[in-house]
PDB file of N, CA and C in Angstrom:
ATOM      1  N   MET A   1      59.890 -11.616  60.299  1.00  0.00           N
ATOM      2  CA  MET A   1      60.294 -11.781  58.763  1.00  0.00           C
ATOM      3  C   MET A   1      61.092 -12.712  58.818  1.00  0.00           C
ATOM      4  N   SER A   2      61.513 -13.473  57.483  1.00  0.00           N
ATOM      5  CA  SER A   2      62.206 -14.631  57.416  1.00  0.00           C
ATOM      6  C   SER A   2      62.945 -13.507  56.249  1.00  0.00           C
ATOM      7  N   SER A   3      64.613 -13.445  55.970  1.00  0.00           N
ATOM      8  CA  SER A   3      65.452 -13.566  55.118  1.00  0.00           C
ATOM      9  C   SER A   3      65.233 -14.108  54.115  1.00  0.00           C
ATOM     10  N   PRO A   4      65.517 -13.561  52.611  1.00  0.00           N
ATOM     11  CA  PRO A   4      65.338 -14.697  51.406  1.00  0.00           C
ATOM     12  C   PRO A   4      65.804 -15.480  51.117  1.00  0.00           C
ATOM     13  N   SER A   5      67.599 -15.628  52.061  1.00  0.00           N
ATOM     14  CA  SER A   5      68.744 -17.064  51.826  1.00  0.00           C
ATOM     15  C   SER A   5      68.128 -17.856  52.890  1.00  0.00           C
ATOM     16  N   ASP A   6      66.948 -17.822  53.759  1.00  0.00           N
ATOM     17  CA  ASP A   6      65.946 -18.508  54.622  1.00  0.00           C
ATOM     18  C   ASP A   6      64.830 -19.655  53.781  1.00  0.00           C
ATOM     19  N   PHE A   7      64.376 -19.537  52.016  1.00  0.00           N
ATOM     20  CA  PHE A   7      63.676 -19.945  51.224  1.00  0.00           C
ATOM     21  C   PHE A   7      64.069 -20.415  50.562  1.00  0.00           C
ATOM     22  N   ARG A   8      63.282 -21.816  50.371  1.00  0.00           N
ATOM     23  CA  ARG A   8      63.722 -22.986  49.476  1.00  0.00           C
ATOM     24  C   ARG A   8      63.245 -22.833  48.261  1.00  0.00           C
ATOM     25  N   TRP A   9      63.194 -23.760  46.953  1.00  0.00           N
ATOM     26  CA  TRP A   9      62.158 -23.942  46.330  1.00  0.00           C
ATOM     27  C   TRP A   9      61.680 -24.862  46.126  1.00  0.00           C
ATOM     28  N   TYR A  10      60.482 -25.775  45.686  1.00  0.00           N
ATOM     29  CA  TYR A  10      59.385 -26.950  46.274  1.00  0.00           C
ATOM     30  C   TYR A  10      58.640 -26.704  45.058  1.00  0.00           C
ATOM     31  N   THR A  11      59.162 -28.600  45.161  1.00  0.00           N
ATOM     32  CA  THR A  11      57.673 -28.694  43.875  1.00  0.00           C
ATOM     33  C   THR A  11      56.250 -29.048  44.317  1.00  0.00           C
ATOM     34  N   LEU A  12      55.225 -28.866  43.669  1.00  0.00           N
ATOM     35  CA  LEU A  12      53.637 -29.382  44.350  1.00  0.00           C
ATOM     36  C   LEU A  12      53.570 -29.819  42.881  1.00  0.00           C
ATOM     37  N   GLN A  13      52.889 -31.262  43.048  1.00  0.00           N
ATOM     38  CA  GLN A  13      52.507 -31.832  42.176  1.00  0.00           C
ATOM     39  C   GLN A  13      50.794 -31.919  42.604  1.00  0.00           C
ATOM     40  N   THR A  14      50.102 -31.629  41.415  1.00  0.00           N
ATOM     41  CA  THR A  14      48.672 -32.020  40.930  1.00  0.00           C
ATOM     42  C   THR A  14      47.888 -32.841  40.126  1.00  0.00           C
ATOM     43  N   LEU A  15      47.182 -32.690  40.314  1.00  0.00           N
ATOM     44  CA  LEU A  15      46.220 -33.471  39.806  1.00  0.00           C
ATOM     45  C   LEU A  15      45.995 -33.257  38.381  1.00  0.00           C
ATOM     46  N   SER A  16      45.824 -34.005  37.025  1.00  0.00           N
ATOM     47  CA  SER A  16      45.800 -33.849  35.980  1.00  0.00           C
ATOM     48  C   SER A  16      44.910 -32.489  35.199  1.00  0.00           C
ATOM     49  N   ASN A  17      45.336 -31.415  34.753  1.00  0.00           N
ATOM     50  CA  ASN A  17      44.440 -30.131  34.572  1.00  0.00           C
ATOM     51  C   ASN A  17      44.314 -29.040  35.537  1.00  0.00           C
ATOM     52  N   ASN A  18      44.579 -29.648  37.331  1.00  0.00           N
ATOM     53  CA  ASN A  18      43.437 -28.686  37.810  1.00  0.00           C
ATOM     54  C   ASN A  18      44.899 -27.440  38.538  1.00  0.00           C
ATOM     55  N   ASP A  19      46.021 -27.502  37.894  1.00  0.00           N
ATOM     56  CA  ASP A  19      46.914 -26.563  38.413  1.00  0.00           C
ATOM     57  C   ASP A  19      46.512 -25.730  38.570  1.00  0.00           C
ATOM     58  N   SER A  20      46.062 -24.502  37.627  1.00  0.00           N
ATOM     59  CA  SER A  20      45.403 -23.428  37.665  1.00  0.00           C
ATOM     60  C   SER A  20      44.434 -23.179  38.802  1.00  0.00           C
ATOM     61  N   LYS A  21      44.162 -23.996  39.078  1.00  0.00           N
ATOM     62  CA  LYS A  21      42.795 -23.820  40.827  1.00  0.00           C
ATOM     63  C   LYS A  21      43.504 -24.388  41.525  1.00  0.00           C
ATOM     64  N   VAL A  22      44.358 -25.461  41.794  1.00  0.00           N
ATOM     65  CA  VAL A  22      45.316 -25.061  43.124  1.00  0.00           C
ATOM     66  C   VAL A  22      46.080 -24.573  43.199  1.00  0.00           C
ATOM     67  N   LYS A  23      46.534 -23.856  42.015  1.00  0.00           N
ATOM     68  CA  LYS A  23      47.322 -22.154  42.490  1.00  0.00           C
ATOM     69  C   LYS A  23      46.565 -21.138  43.624  1.00  0.00           C
ATOM     70  N   ARG A  24      45.062 -21.028  42.326  1.00  0.00           N
ATOM     71  CA  ARG A  24      44.149 -19.774  42.838  1.00  0.00           C
ATOM     72  C   ARG A  24      43.413 -19.988  44.485  1.00  0.00           C
ATOM     73  N   LEU A  25      43.236 -21.779  44.552  1.00  0.00           N
ATOM     74  CA  LEU A  25      43.652 -21.884  46.281  1.00  0.00           C
ATOM     75  C   LEU A  25      43.973 -21.475  47.330  1.00  0.00           C
ATOM     76  N   LEU A  26      45.423 -22.338  47.048  1.00  0.00           N
ATOM     77  CA  LEU A  26      46.975 -21.605  47.558  1.00  0.00           C
ATOM     78  C   LEU A  26      47.081 -20.195  47.624  1.00  0.00           C
ATOM     79  N   ASP A  27      46.534 -19.317  46.392  1.00  0.00           N
ATOM     80  CA  ASP A  27      47.009 -17.791  46.714  1.00  0.00           C
ATOM     81  C   ASP A  27      45.493 -17.747  47.692  1.00  0.00           C
ATOM     82  N   LYS A  28      44.585 -17.830  47.968  1.00  0.00           N
ATOM     83  CA  LYS A  28      43.921 -17.267  48.365  1.00  0.00           C
ATOM     84  C   LYS A  28      44.006 -17.764  49.851  1.00  0.00           C
ATOM     85  N   ALA A  29      44.117 -18.862  50.191  1.00  0.00           N
ATOM     86  CA  ALA A  29      44.545 -19.446  51.594  1.00  0.00           C
ATOM     87  C   ALA A  29      45.884 -18.991  52.098  1.00  0.00           C
ATOM     88  N   ILE A  30      46.951 -18.226  51.544  1.00  0.00           N
ATOM     89  CA  ILE A  30      47.672 -17.560  51.817  1.00  0.00           C
ATOM     90  C   ILE A  30      47.506 -16.554  52.455  1.00  0.00           C
ATOM     91  N   LYS A  31      46.382 -15.677  52.024  1.00  0.00           N
ATOM     92  CA  LYS A  31      46.036 -14.358  51.378  1.00  0.00           C
ATOM     93  C   LYS A  31      45.328 -14.624  52.983  1.00  0.00           C
ATOM     94  N   ASP A  32      44.293 -15.685  53.185  1.00  0.00           N
ATOM     95  CA  ASP A  32      43.747 -15.570  54.717  1.00  0.00           C
ATOM     96  C   ASP A  32      43.969 -15.550  55.656  1.00  0.00           C
ATOM     97  N   GLU A  33      45.213 -16.780  55.615  1.00  0.00           N
ATOM     98  CA  GLU A  33      45.782 -17.119  57.044  1.00  0.00           C
ATOM     99  C   GLU A  33      46.639 -16.434  57.239  1.00  0.00           C
ATOM    100  N   GLU A  34      47.483 -15.058  56.513  1.00  0.00           N
ATOM    101  CA  GLU A  34      48.084 -14.420  56.804  1.00  0.00           C
ATOM    102  C   GLU A  34      49.854 -15.111  56.569  1.00  0.00           C
ATOM    103  N   MET A  35      49.922 -16.605  55.801  1.00  0.00           N
ATOM    104  CA  MET A  35      51.165 -16.938  55.359  1.00  0.00           C
ATOM    105  C   MET A  35      52.012 -16.050  54.919  1.00  0.00           C
ATOM    106  N   GLY A  36      51.859 -15.368  54.382  1.00  0.00           N
ATOM    107  CA  GLY A  36      53.012 -14.177  53.687  1.00  0.00           C
ATOM    108  C   GLY A  36      53.903 -14.360  53.894  1.00  0.00           C
ATOM    109  N   ASP A  37      54.738 -14.342  55.168  1.00  0.00           N
ATOM    110  CA  ASP A  37      56.558 -14.366  55.062  1.00  0.00           C
ATOM    111  C   ASP A  37      56.579 -15.915  55.690  1.00  0.00           C
ATOM    112  N   PHE A  38      55.839 -16.940  55.263  1.00  0.00           N
ATOM    113  CA  PHE A  38      56.180 -18.612  54.919  1.00  0.00           C
ATOM    114  C   PHE A  38      56.444 -18.470  53.491  1.00  0.00           C
ATOM    115  N   VAL A  39      55.676 -18.369  52.584  1.00  0.00           N
ATOM    116  CA  VAL A  39      55.676 -18.396  51.560  1.00  0.00           C
ATOM    117  C   VAL A  39      55.961 -16.980  50.517  1.00  0.00           C
ATOM    118  N   ALA A  40      56.505 -17.003  49.989  1.00  0.00           N
ATOM    119  CA  ALA A  40      57.314 -16.032  49.160  1.00  0.00           C
ATOM    120  C   ALA A  40      56.124 -16.063  47.573  1.00  0.00           C
ATOM    121  N   GLU A  41      56.410 -17.049  46.942  1.00  0.00           N
ATOM    122  CA  GLU A  41      55.508 -17.459  45.716  1.00  0.00           C
ATOM    123  C   GLU A  41      55.004 -18.311  44.952  1.00  0.00           C
ATOM    124  N   ILE A  42      54.132 -18.610  44.538  1.00  0.00           N
ATOM    125  CA  ILE A  42      53.426 -19.855  43.665  1.00  0.00           C
ATOM    126  C   ILE A  42      53.512 -20.179  42.532  1.00  0.00           C
ATOM    127  N   LEU A  43      54.789 -20.284  41.352  1.00  0.00           N
ATOM    128  CA  LEU A  43      54.686 -20.291  39.697  1.00  0.00           C
ATOM    129  C   LEU A  43      53.757 -21.389  39.224  1.00  0.00           C
ATOM    130  N   MET A  44      53.405 -21.061  38.011  1.00  0.00           N
ATOM    131  CA  MET A  44      52.863 -21.848  37.444  1.00  0.00           C
ATOM    132  C   MET A  44      53.175 -21.668  35.983  1.00  0.00           C
ATOM    133  N   PRO A  45      54.581 -21.998  35.454  1.00  0.00           N
ATOM    134  CA  PRO A  45      55.304 -21.764  34.607  1.00  0.00           C
ATOM    135  C   PRO A  45      54.128 -22.241  33.015  1.00  0.00           C
ATOM    136  N   VAL A  46      54.743 -20.450  32.643  1.00  0.00           N
ATOM    137  CA  VAL A  46      53.740 -20.758  30.644  1.00  0.00           C
ATOM    138  C   VAL A  46      54.812 -20.087  30.643  1.00  0.00           C
ATOM    139  N   LYS A  47      54.391 -20.847  28.939  1.00  0.00           N
ATOM    140  CA  LYS A  47      54.926 -20.172  27.782  1.00  0.00           C
ATOM    141  C   LYS A  47      53.926 -19.501  26.516  1.00  0.00           C
ATOM    142  N   THR A  48      54.057 -18.891  26.135  1.00  0.00           N
ATOM    143  CA  THR A  48      53.008 -17.732  24.649  1.00  0.00           C
ATOM    144  C   THR A  48      53.798 -18.368  24.010  1.00  0.00           C
ATOM    145  N   VAL A  49      52.699 -19.394  22.671  1.00  0.00           N
ATOM    146  CA  VAL A  49      52.833 -19.453  21.427  1.00  0.00           C
ATOM    147  C   VAL A  49      52.356 -19.045  20.869  1.00  0.00           C
ATOM    148  N   LYS A  50      52.612 -18.655  19.734  1.00  0.00           N
ATOM    149  CA  LYS A  50      51.850 -18.400  18.382  1.00  0.00           C
ATOM    150  C   LYS A  50      52.147 -19.476  17.236  1.00  0.00           C
ATOM    151  N   ASP A  51      50.623 -18.854  16.541  1.00  0.00           N
ATOM    152  CA  ASP A  51      50.535 -20.102  15.710  1.00  0.00           C
ATOM    153  C   ASP A  51      48.867 -20.065  15.036  1.00  0.00           C
ATOM    154  N   PHE A  52      49.072 -20.015  13.764  1.00  0.00           N
ATOM    155  CA  PHE A  52      47.831 -19.921  12.792  1.00  0.00           C
ATOM    156  C   PHE A  52      46.972 -20.888  12.787  1.00  0.00           C
ATOM    157  N   ARG A  53      46.064 -21.157  13.037  1.00  0.00           N
ATOM    158  CA  ARG A  53      44.819 -21.913  12.345  1.00  0.00           C
ATOM    159  C   ARG A  53      43.750 -21.582  12.256  1.00  0.00           C
ATOM    160  N   ASN A  54      43.242 -21.772  10.765  1.00  0.00           N
ATOM    161  CA  ASN A  54      42.105 -21.191   9.751  1.00  0.00           C
ATOM    162  C   ASN A  54      42.386 -19.616   9.298  1.00  0.00           C
ATOM    163  N   GLY A  55      44.032 -19.666   9.005  1.00  0.00           N
ATOM    164  CA  GLY A  55      44.158 -18.036   8.479  1.00  0.00           C
ATOM    165  C   GLY A  55      44.600 -17.495   9.619  1.00  0.00           C
ATOM    166  N   LYS A  56      44.067 -17.501  10.753  1.00  0.00           N
ATOM    167  CA  LYS A  56      43.965 -15.849  11.576  1.00  0.00           C
ATOM    168  C   LYS A  56      45.736 -16.551  12.823  1.00  0.00           C
ATOM    169  N   LYS A  57      46.207 -15.572  13.100  1.00  0.00           N
ATOM    170  CA  LYS A  57      47.109 -15.754  13.802  1.00  0.00           C
ATOM    171  C   LYS A  57      46.619 -15.477  15.435  1.00  0.00           C
ATOM    172  N   ARG A  58      46.679 -16.719  16.375  1.00  0.00           N
ATOM    173  CA  ARG A  58      46.766 -16.818  16.930  1.00  0.00           C
ATOM    174  C   ARG A  58      47.870 -17.190  18.450  1.00  0.00           C
ATOM    175  N   GLU A  59      47.892 -16.392  19.772  1.00  0.00           N
ATOM    176  CA  GLU A  59      48.504 -16.441  20.736  1.00  0.00           C
ATOM    177  C   GLU A  59      47.684 -17.619  21.936  1.00  0.00           C
ATOM    178  N   SER A  60      48.399 -18.253  22.369  1.00  0.00           N
ATOM    179  CA  SER A  60      48.022 -18.852  23.697  1.00  0.00           C
ATOM    180  C   SER A  60      48.852 -19.421  24.421  1.00  0.00           C
ATOM    181  N   GLU A  61      48.454 -20.043  25.465  1.00  0.00           N
ATOM    182  CA  GLU A  61      49.307 -19.897  26.511  1.00  0.00           C
ATOM    183  C   GLU A  61      49.980 -21.708  26.549  1.00  0.00           C
ATOM    184  N   MET A  62      50.682 -22.223  27.381  1.00  0.00           N
ATOM    185  CA  MET A  62      51.456 -23.640  26.989  1.00  0.00           C
ATOM    186  C   MET A  62      52.092 -23.734  27.931  1.00  0.00           C
ATOM    187  N   LYS A  63      51.638 -24.801  29.454  1.00  0.00           N
ATOM    188  CA  LYS A  63      52.489 -25.107  30.867  1.00  0.00           C
ATOM    189  C   LYS A  63      53.157 -25.412  30.467  1.00  0.00           C
ATOM    190  N   LEU A  64      54.248 -25.129  30.983  1.00  0.00           N
ATOM    191  CA  LEU A  64      55.765 -25.991  30.351  1.00  0.00           C
ATOM    192  C   LEU A  64      55.991 -27.008  31.716  1.00  0.00           C
ATOM    193  N   TYR A  65      55.545 -27.399  32.827  1.00  0.00           N
ATOM    194  CA  TYR A  65      55.516 -28.306  33.590  1.00  0.00           C
ATOM    195  C   TYR A  65      53.756 -28.688  33.949  1.00  0.00           C
ATOM    196  N   PRO A  66      52.722 -29.369  33.149  1.00  0.00           N
ATOM    197  CA  PRO A  66      51.814 -29.203  33.399  1.00  0.00           C
ATOM    198  C   PRO A  66      51.887 -30.273  34.237  1.00  0.00           C
ATOM    199  N   SER A  67      50.538 -30.295  35.187  1.00  0.00           N
ATOM    200  CA  SER A  67      50.295 -31.112  36.493  1.00  0.00           C
ATOM    201  C   SER A  67      51.473 -30.747  37.966  1.00  0.00           C
ATOM    202  N   TYR A  68      52.502 -29.462  37.976  1.00  0.00           N
ATOM    203  CA  TYR A  68      53.723 -28.917  38.555  1.00  0.00           C
ATOM    204  C   TYR A  68      53.440 -27.461  38.921  1.00  0.00           C
ATOM    205  N   LEU A  69      53.523 -27.503  40.338  1.00  0.00           N
ATOM    206  CA  LEU A  69      53.916 -25.828  40.441  1.00  0.00           C
ATOM    207  C   LEU A  69      54.702 -25.767  41.343  1.00  0.00           C
ATOM    208  N   LEU A  70      55.631 -24.544  41.170  1.00  0.00           N
ATOM    209  CA  LEU A  70      56.661 -24.175  41.970  1.00  0.00           C
ATOM    210  C   LEU A  70      56.337 -23.299  43.101  1.00  0.00           C
ATOM    211  N   SER A  71      57.149 -23.252  43.863  1.00  0.00           N
ATOM    212  CA  SER A  71      56.362 -22.190  45.507  1.00  0.00           C
ATOM    213  C   SER A  71      58.056 -22.159  45.971  1.00  0.00           C
ATOM    214  N   LEU A  72      58.768 -21.357  46.843  1.00  0.00           N
ATOM    215  CA  LEU A  72      59.385 -20.370  47.186  1.00  0.00           C
ATOM    216  C   LEU A  72      58.903 -20.284  48.752  1.00  0.00           C
ATOM    217  N   ILE A  73      59.612 -21.938  49.818  1.00  0.00           N
ATOM    218  CA  ILE A  73      58.913 -21.768  51.225  1.00  0.00           C
ATOM    219  C   ILE A  73      59.908 -21.807  51.562  1.00  0.00           C
ATOM    220  N   HIS A  74      59.305 -20.633  53.342  1.00  0.00           N
ATOM    221  CA  HIS A  74      60.704 -21.009  54.336  1.00  0.00           C
ATOM    222  C   HIS A  74      59.982 -21.843  55.670  1.00  0.00           C
ATOM    223  N   ILE A  75      60.347 -22.583  55.518  1.00  0.00           N
ATOM    224  CA  ILE A  75      59.641 -23.610  56.439  1.00  0.00           C
ATOM    225  C   ILE A  75      61.299 -23.443  57.679  1.00  0.00           C
ATOM    226  N   SER A  76      60.574 -23.015  59.121  1.00  0.00           N
ATOM    227  CA  SER A  76      61.304 -22.860  59.881  1.00  0.00           C
ATOM    228  C   SER A  76      61.619 -24.329  60.959  1.00  0.00           C
ATOM    229  N   GLU A  77      60.883 -25.311  61.100  1.00  0.00           N
ATOM    230  CA  GLU A  77      61.265 -25.857  61.531  1.00  0.00           C
ATOM    231  C   GLU A  77      60.725 -27.380  61.336  1.00  0.00           C
ATOM    232  N   PRO A  78      61.019 -28.565  61.079  1.00  0.00           N
ATOM    233  CA  PRO A  78      60.647 -30.127  61.165  1.00  0.00           C
ATOM    234  C   PRO A  78      58.842 -30.213  60.583  1.00  0.00           C
ATOM    235  N   THR A  79      58.650 -30.090  59.771  1.00  0.00           N
ATOM    236  CA  THR A  79      57.506 -30.444  58.980  1.00  0.00           C
ATOM    237  C   THR A  79      56.502 -31.005  58.210  1.00  0.00           C
ATOM    238  N   ARG A  80      55.477 -31.517  59.362  1.00  0.00           N
ATOM    239  CA  ARG A  80      54.722 -33.159  58.315  1.00  0.00           C
ATOM    240  C   ARG A  80      54.232 -32.560  57.017  1.00  0.00           C
ATOM    241  N   LEU A  81      54.925 -32.697  55.861  1.00  0.00           N
ATOM    242  CA  LEU A  81      53.857 -32.069  54.737  1.00  0.00           C
ATOM    243  C   LEU A  81      52.723 -33.071  55.191  1.00  0.00           C
ATOM    244  N   ARG A  82      51.393 -32.210  54.495  1.00  0.00           N
ATOM    245  CA  ARG A  82      49.757 -33.246  53.713  1.00  0.00           C
ATOM    246  C   ARG A  82      49.265 -33.082  52.636  1.00  0.00           C
ATOM    247  N   ARG A  83      48.722 -34.384  52.365  1.00  0.00           N
ATOM    248  CA  ARG A  83      48.832 -34.115  50.950  1.00  0.00           C
ATOM    249  C   ARG A  83      46.751 -33.407  51.421  1.00  0.00           C
ATOM    250  N   ILE A  84      46.229 -32.522  50.147  1.00  0.00           N
ATOM    251  CA  ILE A  84      45.473 -32.023  50.373  1.00  0.00           C
ATOM    252  C   ILE A  84      44.452 -32.526  49.283  1.00  0.00           C
ATOM    253  N   SER A  85      43.238 -33.020  48.857  1.00  0.00           N
ATOM    254  CA  SER A  85      42.782 -33.094  47.906  1.00  0.00           C
ATOM    255  C   SER A  85      41.442 -32.593  47.863  1.00  0.00           C
TER     256      SER A  85
END
């Protein structure tokens, strides 16, 4: 098991409007491949926005960094990152 100081933050760029799908697929792949020791978390930062439409109060989530995910990863050896399409 890696110590918390061995992890670093990385950004992952996704195609427009695919960040939710990519996050879901990455979470599934991490679980299926048992990579939990190497990937601490994957974040899609969102902000709750309250507004009024047609006289009704409404809450929605706004992505802070559209098309980007933040990931906390431990890379123990030089690794060649690859593009997943």
